[in-house]
């Protein structure tokens, strides 16, 4: 799923939520990279910004909040993604 945002305020808010401060900043939780992605329905190639967690960030794995699990399920349904995308969260809900 690819979202397109042109509003700098929205992009800045996403950076903040993802723990991105600036390019190559050692305090970033996530770094941003640009990938070339091919759209399935049109075969068109688009540039996509992706956040990748830094290797040095150590976070305890814990059960996500129910609100986040609901967000994942709704996104899966809204975008008609394969049910396999939800396999991992099934054990987290228990």
Protein backbone atom coordinates (compact mmCIF):
# COMPACT_ATOMS: atom_id res chain seq x y z
CA UNK A 1 0.00 0.00 0.00
CA UNK A 2 1.41 3.36 -1.02
CA UNK A 3 0.11 6.64 0.35
CA UNK A 4 0.87 9.93 -1.36
CA UNK A 5 1.30 13.04 0.78
CA UNK A 6 2.44 16.40 -0.54
CA UNK A 7 1.76 18.36 2.64
CA UNK A 8 5.08 19.10 4.44
CA UNK A 9 3.30 19.18 7.82
CA UNK A 10 1.97 15.63 7.36
CA UNK A 11 5.42 14.43 6.26
CA UNK A 12 7.04 16.10 9.27
CA UNK A 13 4.48 14.46 11.59
CA UNK A 14 5.25 11.05 10.10
CA UNK A 15 9.00 11.67 10.62
CA UNK A 16 8.34 12.51 14.27
CA UNK A 17 6.15 9.44 14.81
CA UNK A 18 8.84 7.21 13.25
CA UNK A 19 11.65 8.68 15.35
CA UNK A 20 13.37 10.25 12.34
CA UNK A 21 15.32 13.42 13.18
CA UNK A 22 17.50 14.09 10.15
CA UNK A 23 19.62 12.38 7.49
CA UNK A 24 22.30 10.11 9.04
CA UNK A 25 21.50 11.33 12.55
CA UNK A 26 22.82 8.72 15.02
CA UNK A 27 19.79 9.34 17.26
CA UNK A 28 17.27 8.30 14.59
CA UNK A 29 15.17 5.30 15.57
CA UNK A 30 14.32 4.88 11.88
CA UNK A 31 16.18 6.14 8.82
CA UNK A 32 14.45 7.09 5.58
CA UNK A 33 15.41 5.61 2.25
CA UNK A 34 13.85 5.96 -1.19
CA UNK A 35 12.89 2.88 -3.18
CA UNK A 36 11.62 2.55 -6.71
CA UNK A 37 8.34 0.60 -6.58
CA UNK A 38 6.33 -0.77 -9.47
CA UNK A 39 2.56 -0.39 -9.22
CA UNK A 40 0.81 -3.69 -9.85
CA UNK A 41 -2.22 -2.26 -11.61
CA UNK A 42 -0.42 0.12 -14.02
CA UNK A 43 3.18 -1.18 -14.09
CA UNK A 44 4.26 2.43 -13.47
CA UNK A 45 7.40 2.97 -11.35
CA UNK A 46 7.15 5.47 -8.48
CA UNK A 47 9.60 6.70 -5.85
CA UNK A 48 8.56 5.69 -2.34
CA UNK A 49 9.99 6.85 0.95
CA UNK A 50 10.42 3.98 3.42
CA UNK A 51 11.44 3.99 7.07
CA UNK A 52 13.96 1.33 8.15
CA UNK A 53 14.78 0.73 11.83
CA UNK A 54 18.41 1.26 12.79
CA UNK A 55 20.27 -1.91 13.77
CA UNK A 56 21.46 -0.40 17.04
CA UNK A 57 17.95 0.28 18.35
CA UNK A 58 17.06 -2.30 20.97
CA UNK A 59 13.38 -2.52 21.79
CA UNK A 60 11.70 -5.20 23.83
CA UNK A 61 9.19 -7.17 21.82
CA UNK A 62 5.84 -6.77 23.46
CA UNK A 63 2.24 -7.24 22.64
CA UNK A 64 0.90 -4.27 20.63
CA UNK A 65 -2.02 -2.25 21.95
CA UNK A 66 -5.46 -3.46 20.89
CA UNK A 67 -5.99 -0.18 19.04
CA UNK A 68 -2.92 -0.88 16.88
CA UNK A 69 -4.04 -4.46 16.19
CA UNK A 70 -7.42 -3.09 15.11
CA UNK A 71 -5.61 -0.59 12.85
CA UNK A 72 -3.72 -3.45 11.16
CA UNK A 73 -6.88 -5.49 10.65
CA UNK A 74 -8.83 -2.55 9.24
CA UNK A 75 -5.96 -1.64 6.90
CA UNK A 76 -5.77 -5.23 5.70
CA UNK A 77 -9.49 -5.26 4.95
CA UNK A 78 -9.59 -1.76 3.41
CA UNK A 79 -6.74 -2.52 1.00
CA UNK A 80 -7.85 -6.10 0.25
CA UNK A 81 -4.50 -7.52 1.34
CA UNK A 82 -3.99 -11.29 1.68
CA UNK A 83 -5.03 -12.74 5.03
CA UNK A 84 -1.48 -14.12 5.39
CA UNK A 85 -0.40 -10.57 6.29
CA UNK A 86 -2.25 -10.99 9.56
CA UNK A 87 -0.79 -14.37 10.56
CA UNK A 88 1.76 -12.95 12.98
CA UNK A 89 -0.71 -10.81 14.87
CA UNK A 90 -2.98 -13.80 15.55
CA UNK A 91 -0.67 -15.07 18.28
CA UNK A 92 -0.23 -11.56 19.68
CA UNK A 93 -3.94 -11.21 20.39
CA UNK A 94 -4.01 -14.16 22.80
